[in-house]
Amino acid sequence: MEKRKIVVGGVYQHYRGDYYKVLSLALDNETLTQLVVYVAQYYKFEKEDRVWVRPLEVFMGTKELEDGKIVNRYEFVSE
């Protein structure tokens, strides 16, 4: 399987449908784990937090759905 590269400034669609823009890459100051800093491209009143961080490996990884299908957790849409 080809390793995907992250696009800083790119818009990604989560496997559940919402869209997110990658703002930056960061490092955890204790573990030096690479993190993705991203912001939701939607506004939902009940969700006050719009900026998120997630390990790069998880962001670019896959997710097994209930039906057994393997999908990308986040799929690149556009720059």
N, C-alpha and C. Protein backbone atom coordinates (compact mmCIF):
# COMPACT_ATOMS: atom_id res chain seq x y z
N MET A 1 0.85 -1.18 0.00
CA MET A 1 0.00 0.00 0.00
C MET A 1 0.89 1.25 0.00
N GLU A 2 0.56 2.21 -0.84
CA GLU A 2 1.33 3.45 -0.94
C GLU A 2 1.02 4.36 0.24
N LYS A 3 2.07 4.91 0.83
CA LYS A 3 1.89 5.82 1.96
C LYS A 3 1.43 7.18 1.43
N ARG A 4 0.35 7.69 2.00
CA ARG A 4 -0.19 8.98 1.56
C ARG A 4 0.54 10.11 2.26
N LYS A 5 0.65 11.25 1.59
CA LYS A 5 1.28 12.44 2.17
C LYS A 5 0.20 13.44 2.54
N ILE A 6 0.41 14.12 3.66
CA ILE A 6 -0.54 15.14 4.12
C ILE A 6 -0.31 16.43 3.36
N VAL A 7 -1.37 17.17 3.08
CA VAL A 7 -1.30 18.46 2.42
C VAL A 7 -1.71 19.53 3.43
N VAL A 8 -0.73 20.30 3.93
CA VAL A 8 -1.04 21.40 4.84
C VAL A 8 -1.81 22.44 4.04
N GLY A 9 -2.95 22.88 4.56
CA GLY A 9 -3.83 23.79 3.85
C GLY A 9 -4.91 23.06 3.07
N GLY A 10 -4.78 21.74 2.99
CA GLY A 10 -5.75 20.94 2.25
C GLY A 10 -7.02 20.69 3.04
N VAL A 11 -8.08 20.40 2.30
CA VAL A 11 -9.37 20.05 2.90
C VAL A 11 -9.54 18.55 2.78
N TYR A 12 -9.94 17.94 3.89
CA TYR A 12 -10.13 16.49 3.95
C TYR A 12 -11.55 16.19 4.40
N GLN A 13 -12.09 15.09 3.88
CA GLN A 13 -13.41 14.65 4.31
C GLN A 13 -13.24 13.44 5.23
N HIS A 14 -13.83 13.53 6.41
CA HIS A 14 -13.83 12.43 7.37
C HIS A 14 -14.74 11.33 6.82
N TYR A 15 -14.46 10.10 7.15
CA TYR A 15 -15.26 8.99 6.62
C TYR A 15 -16.73 9.10 6.99
N ARG A 16 -17.07 9.87 8.01
CA ARG A 16 -18.48 10.07 8.37
C ARG A 16 -19.12 11.23 7.62
N GLY A 17 -18.30 12.02 6.86
CA GLY A 17 -18.89 13.04 5.99
C GLY A 17 -18.48 14.47 6.21
N ASP A 18 -18.09 14.86 7.42
CA ASP A 18 -17.73 16.26 7.67
C ASP A 18 -16.37 16.60 7.04
N TYR A 19 -16.17 17.90 6.81
CA TYR A 19 -14.95 18.39 6.16
C TYR A 19 -14.08 19.14 7.16
N TYR A 20 -12.76 19.01 6.97
CA TYR A 20 -11.78 19.64 7.86
C TYR A 20 -10.64 20.19 7.04
N LYS A 21 -10.10 21.33 7.46
CA LYS A 21 -8.94 21.93 6.81
C LYS A 21 -7.72 21.74 7.71
N VAL A 22 -6.63 21.22 7.13
CA VAL A 22 -5.39 21.02 7.87
C VAL A 22 -4.69 22.37 8.00
N LEU A 23 -4.46 22.80 9.23
CA LEU A 23 -3.82 24.09 9.49
C LEU A 23 -2.31 23.99 9.56
N SER A 24 -1.83 22.90 10.17
CA SER A 24 -0.39 22.79 10.41
C SER A 24 -0.06 21.38 10.87
N LEU A 25 1.21 21.10 10.88
CA LEU A 25 1.73 19.91 11.55
C LEU A 25 2.42 20.38 12.81
N ALA A 26 2.45 19.55 13.83
CA ALA A 26 3.06 19.92 15.11
C ALA A 26 3.75 18.69 15.69
N LEU A 27 4.53 18.92 16.73
CA LEU A 27 5.18 17.83 17.46
C LEU A 27 4.74 17.87 18.91
N ASP A 28 4.42 16.70 19.46
CA ASP A 28 4.15 16.61 20.88
C ASP A 28 5.48 16.86 21.60
N ASN A 29 5.51 17.78 22.55
CA ASN A 29 6.78 18.18 23.17
C ASN A 29 7.41 17.10 24.05
N GLU A 30 6.64 16.09 24.46
CA GLU A 30 7.20 15.03 25.29
C GLU A 30 7.57 13.79 24.49
N THR A 31 6.72 13.41 23.53
CA THR A 31 6.95 12.17 22.79
C THR A 31 7.52 12.39 21.40
N LEU A 32 7.48 13.65 20.93
CA LEU A 32 7.89 14.02 19.57
C LEU A 32 7.03 13.33 18.50
N THR A 33 5.84 12.91 18.89
CA THR A 33 4.88 12.35 17.94
C THR A 33 4.41 13.47 17.02
N GLN A 34 4.38 13.19 15.70
CA GLN A 34 3.87 14.18 14.76
C GLN A 34 2.35 14.26 14.88
N LEU A 35 1.84 15.48 14.95
CA LEU A 35 0.42 15.73 15.09
C LEU A 35 -0.09 16.56 13.93
N VAL A 36 -1.35 16.37 13.59
CA VAL A 36 -2.03 17.20 12.59
C VAL A 36 -2.94 18.15 13.35
N VAL A 37 -2.85 19.44 13.04
CA VAL A 37 -3.73 20.45 13.62
C VAL A 37 -4.74 20.81 12.53
N TYR A 38 -6.01 20.61 12.82
CA TYR A 38 -7.03 20.82 11.78
C TYR A 38 -8.28 21.45 12.36
N VAL A 39 -9.03 22.11 11.48
CA VAL A 39 -10.22 22.84 11.92
C VAL A 39 -11.44 22.35 11.15
N ALA A 40 -12.54 22.22 11.87
CA ALA A 40 -13.80 21.82 11.26
C ALA A 40 -14.28 22.90 10.29
N GLN A 41 -14.82 22.48 9.16
CA GLN A 41 -15.34 23.42 8.16
C GLN A 41 -16.86 23.55 8.25
N TYR A 42 -17.38 23.27 9.41
CA TYR A 42 -18.82 23.37 9.67
C TYR A 42 -18.99 24.08 11.01
N TYR A 43 -20.18 24.53 11.27
CA TYR A 43 -20.45 25.09 12.58
C TYR A 43 -21.69 24.42 13.13
N LYS A 44 -21.54 23.82 14.29
CA LYS A 44 -22.67 23.22 14.99
C LYS A 44 -22.68 23.83 16.38
N PHE A 45 -23.75 24.46 16.76
CA PHE A 45 -23.85 25.16 18.02
C PHE A 45 -23.44 24.28 19.19
N GLU A 46 -23.84 23.00 19.14
CA GLU A 46 -23.56 22.11 20.26
C GLU A 46 -22.08 21.69 20.33
N LYS A 47 -21.31 22.00 19.30
CA LYS A 47 -19.88 21.67 19.29
C LYS A 47 -19.09 22.98 19.29
N GLU A 48 -18.67 23.41 20.47
CA GLU A 48 -17.95 24.67 20.56
C GLU A 48 -16.53 24.55 20.05
N ASP A 49 -15.90 23.39 20.26
CA ASP A 49 -14.52 23.20 19.83
C ASP A 49 -14.48 22.93 18.34
N ARG A 50 -13.70 23.73 17.63
CA ARG A 50 -13.60 23.55 16.19
C ARG A 50 -12.19 23.19 15.75
N VAL A 51 -11.18 23.39 16.60
CA VAL A 51 -9.80 23.07 16.26
C VAL A 51 -9.42 21.78 16.97
N TRP A 52 -8.82 20.87 16.22
CA TRP A 52 -8.50 19.54 16.74
C TRP A 52 -7.05 19.19 16.45
N VAL A 53 -6.51 18.25 17.20
CA VAL A 53 -5.21 17.65 16.92
C VAL A 53 -5.37 16.14 16.97
N ARG A 54 -4.60 15.48 16.14
CA ARG A 54 -4.64 14.02 16.08
C ARG A 54 -3.28 13.56 15.57
N PRO A 55 -2.77 12.43 16.06
CA PRO A 55 -1.50 11.93 15.52
C PRO A 55 -1.57 11.76 14.00
N LEU A 56 -0.51 12.16 13.32
CA LEU A 56 -0.45 12.07 11.87
C LEU A 56 -0.75 10.66 11.39
N GLU A 57 -0.18 9.68 12.07
CA GLU A 57 -0.37 8.28 11.67
C GLU A 57 -1.85 7.89 11.72
N VAL A 58 -2.58 8.39 12.70
CA VAL A 58 -4.01 8.08 12.82
C VAL A 58 -4.80 8.86 11.77
N PHE A 59 -4.49 10.15 11.61
CA PHE A 59 -5.19 11.00 10.64
C PHE A 59 -5.09 10.39 9.24
N MET A 60 -3.91 9.93 8.87
CA MET A 60 -3.68 9.39 7.54
C MET A 60 -3.96 7.89 7.46
N GLY A 61 -4.41 7.31 8.55
CA GLY A 61 -4.66 5.88 8.60
C GLY A 61 -6.02 5.47 8.07
N THR A 62 -6.35 4.22 8.31
CA THR A 62 -7.60 3.66 7.84
C THR A 62 -8.51 3.33 9.01
N LYS A 63 -9.75 3.06 8.67
CA LYS A 63 -10.77 2.71 9.65
C LYS A 63 -11.58 1.54 9.10
N GLU A 64 -11.80 0.53 9.93
CA GLU A 64 -12.65 -0.58 9.50
C GLU A 64 -14.09 -0.27 9.90
N LEU A 65 -14.98 -0.26 8.93
CA LEU A 65 -16.39 0.01 9.18
C LEU A 65 -17.08 -1.25 9.71
N GLU A 66 -18.30 -1.09 10.19
CA GLU A 66 -19.05 -2.22 10.76
C GLU A 66 -19.25 -3.35 9.76
N ASP A 67 -19.33 -3.01 8.46
CA ASP A 67 -19.53 -4.03 7.44
C ASP A 67 -18.22 -4.69 7.00
N GLY A 68 -17.10 -4.30 7.65
CA GLY A 68 -15.81 -4.88 7.34
C GLY A 68 -15.02 -4.14 6.28
N LYS A 69 -15.63 -3.15 5.64
CA LYS A 69 -14.95 -2.36 4.61
C LYS A 69 -13.88 -1.48 5.26
N ILE A 70 -12.71 -1.39 4.63
CA ILE A 70 -11.62 -0.55 5.10
C ILE A 70 -11.62 0.74 4.28
N VAL A 71 -11.67 1.89 4.97
CA VAL A 71 -11.67 3.19 4.31
C VAL A 71 -10.61 4.08 4.94
N ASN A 72 -10.18 5.10 4.20
CA ASN A 72 -9.30 6.11 4.78
C ASN A 72 -10.09 6.89 5.81
N ARG A 73 -9.47 7.14 6.97
CA ARG A 73 -10.16 7.92 8.01
C ARG A 73 -10.48 9.32 7.49
N TYR A 74 -9.51 9.94 6.82
CA TYR A 74 -9.71 11.25 6.17
C TYR A 74 -9.24 11.13 4.74
N GLU A 75 -10.05 11.62 3.81
CA GLU A 75 -9.75 11.55 2.39
C GLU A 75 -9.52 12.96 1.86
N PHE A 76 -8.39 13.17 1.19
CA PHE A 76 -8.07 14.48 0.62
C PHE A 76 -9.12 14.86 -0.41
N VAL A 77 -9.59 16.14 -0.34
CA VAL A 77 -10.61 16.63 -1.27
C VAL A 77 -10.02 17.71 -2.17
N SER A 78 -9.40 18.74 -1.59
CA SER A 78 -8.85 19.84 -2.38
C SER A 78 -7.89 20.67 -1.56
N GLU A 79 -7.16 21.53 -2.28
CA GLU A 79 -6.24 22.46 -1.59
C GLU A 79 -6.95 23.76 -1.31
